[in-house]
């Protein structure tokens, strides 16, 4: 077994943290529904990286982290389909996907 080919856990945690905060910043700063949806997807992918990394380092012969990752991917796909359908309906009704311009959903 060649240990030099294995990526350290700290690198995976740094990558996961960066991806999570890029998603968080895109949700906070952007006011477009599509970019906010992409930010949520980035945050879910950061969680997936954590699941796989911790599973690899703590339990190398078990696959629980991979199964949780597959469940999260399935839930994210369903969430994206519903969110895109809602965004399309909002665009057809209002004519924009900017959060600031949509007044009808506030009340």
Protein backbone atom coordinates (compact mmCIF):
# COMPACT_ATOMS: atom_id res chain seq x y z
CA UNK A 1 0.00 0.00 0.00
CA UNK A 2 1.43 3.30 -1.12
CA UNK A 3 0.67 5.93 1.55
CA UNK A 4 1.86 8.81 -0.60
CA UNK A 5 -1.13 8.37 -2.94
CA UNK A 6 -3.66 8.89 -0.17
CA UNK A 7 -5.03 12.39 0.37
CA UNK A 8 -4.92 13.51 4.03
CA UNK A 9 -8.20 14.10 5.86
CA UNK A 10 -7.31 17.74 6.53
CA UNK A 11 -7.23 18.47 2.79
CA UNK A 12 -10.68 16.99 2.36
CA UNK A 13 -12.01 19.03 5.28
CA UNK A 14 -10.51 22.24 3.85
CA UNK A 15 -12.04 21.48 0.45
CA UNK A 16 -15.40 20.73 2.02
CA UNK A 17 -15.30 23.93 4.08
CA UNK A 18 -14.44 26.04 1.03
CA UNK A 19 -17.23 24.51 -1.05
CA UNK A 20 -19.71 24.98 1.80
CA UNK A 21 -18.84 28.64 2.31
CA UNK A 22 -18.89 29.36 -1.42
CA UNK A 23 -22.43 27.99 -1.44
CA UNK A 24 -23.36 29.99 1.65
CA UNK A 25 -21.97 33.21 0.19
CA UNK A 26 -23.83 32.62 -3.06
CA UNK A 27 -27.08 32.29 -1.10
CA UNK A 28 -26.45 35.40 1.00
CA UNK A 29 -25.08 37.73 -1.69
CA UNK A 30 -27.00 36.75 -4.81
CA UNK A 31 -30.63 37.69 -5.23
CA UNK A 32 -31.34 35.37 -8.17
CA UNK A 33 -33.33 32.20 -7.47
CA UNK A 34 -31.21 30.06 -9.81
CA UNK A 35 -27.93 31.06 -8.16
CA UNK A 36 -29.45 30.51 -4.74
CA UNK A 37 -30.45 27.00 -5.81
CA UNK A 38 -26.89 26.38 -7.03
CA UNK A 39 -25.60 27.56 -3.64
CA UNK A 40 -27.80 25.04 -1.86
CA UNK A 41 -26.48 22.31 -4.16
CA UNK A 42 -22.90 23.33 -3.35
CA UNK A 43 -23.64 23.10 0.36
CA UNK A 44 -25.11 19.62 -0.06
CA UNK A 45 -22.04 18.55 -2.04
CA UNK A 46 -19.80 19.79 0.78
CA UNK A 47 -21.72 17.53 3.16
CA UNK A 48 -21.23 14.65 0.73
CA UNK A 49 -17.48 15.24 0.70
CA UNK A 50 -17.46 15.10 4.50
CA UNK A 51 -19.45 11.86 4.58
CA UNK A 52 -17.14 10.11 2.13
CA UNK A 53 -13.95 11.47 3.70
CA UNK A 54 -14.87 10.49 7.25
CA UNK A 55 -16.11 7.11 6.09
CA UNK A 56 -12.80 6.49 4.30
CA UNK A 57 -10.65 7.43 7.27
CA UNK A 58 -12.72 6.11 10.17
CA UNK A 59 -14.27 2.97 8.67
CA UNK A 60 -12.34 2.05 5.51
CA UNK A 61 -14.06 -1.29 4.96
CA UNK A 62 -17.64 -0.07 5.43
CA UNK A 63 -19.87 1.92 3.09
CA UNK A 64 -22.27 3.85 5.34
CA UNK A 65 -20.86 7.22 4.26
CA UNK A 66 -21.31 6.29 0.62
CA UNK A 67 -24.92 5.22 1.21
CA UNK A 68 -25.72 8.50 2.99
CA UNK A 69 -24.13 10.33 0.08
CA UNK A 70 -26.34 8.49 -2.43
CA UNK A 71 -29.43 9.32 -0.36
CA UNK A 72 -28.44 13.01 -0.25
CA UNK A 73 -27.86 13.02 -4.02
CA UNK A 74 -31.33 11.55 -4.59
CA UNK A 75 -32.93 14.10 -2.26
CA UNK A 76 -30.98 16.92 -3.93
CA UNK A 77 -32.18 15.80 -7.36
CA UNK A 78 -35.80 15.82 -6.20
CA UNK A 79 -35.31 19.19 -4.51
CA UNK A 80 -33.76 20.66 -7.67
CA UNK A 81 -36.62 19.38 -9.84
CA UNK A 82 -39.26 20.91 -7.57
CA UNK A 83 -37.31 24.16 -7.18
CA UNK A 84 -36.80 24.55 -10.94
CA UNK A 85 -40.52 23.91 -11.52
CA UNK A 86 -41.35 26.62 -8.98
CA UNK A 87 -38.84 29.02 -10.52
CA UNK A 88 -40.31 28.47 -13.99
CA UNK A 89 -43.83 29.15 -12.69
CA UNK A 90 -42.66 32.29 -10.88
CA UNK A 91 -40.93 33.50 -14.04
CA UNK A 92 -44.07 32.89 -16.13
CA UNK A 93 -46.25 34.77 -13.65
CA UNK A 94 -43.96 37.63 -12.59
CA UNK A 95 -41.45 37.83 -15.45
CA UNK A 96 -38.32 37.80 -13.27
CA UNK A 97 -36.40 35.45 -11.00
CA UNK A 98 -34.94 38.15 -8.78
CA UNK A 99 -35.91 37.72 -5.14
CA UNK A 100 -36.17 41.47 -4.59
CA UNK A 101 -38.73 41.92 -7.40
CA UNK A 102 -41.08 39.15 -6.27
CA UNK A 103 -43.63 40.78 -3.98
CA UNK A 104 -46.47 38.29 -4.30
CA UNK A 105 -44.78 35.55 -2.26
CA UNK A 106 -44.17 37.72 0.79
CA UNK A 107 -47.74 37.65 2.11
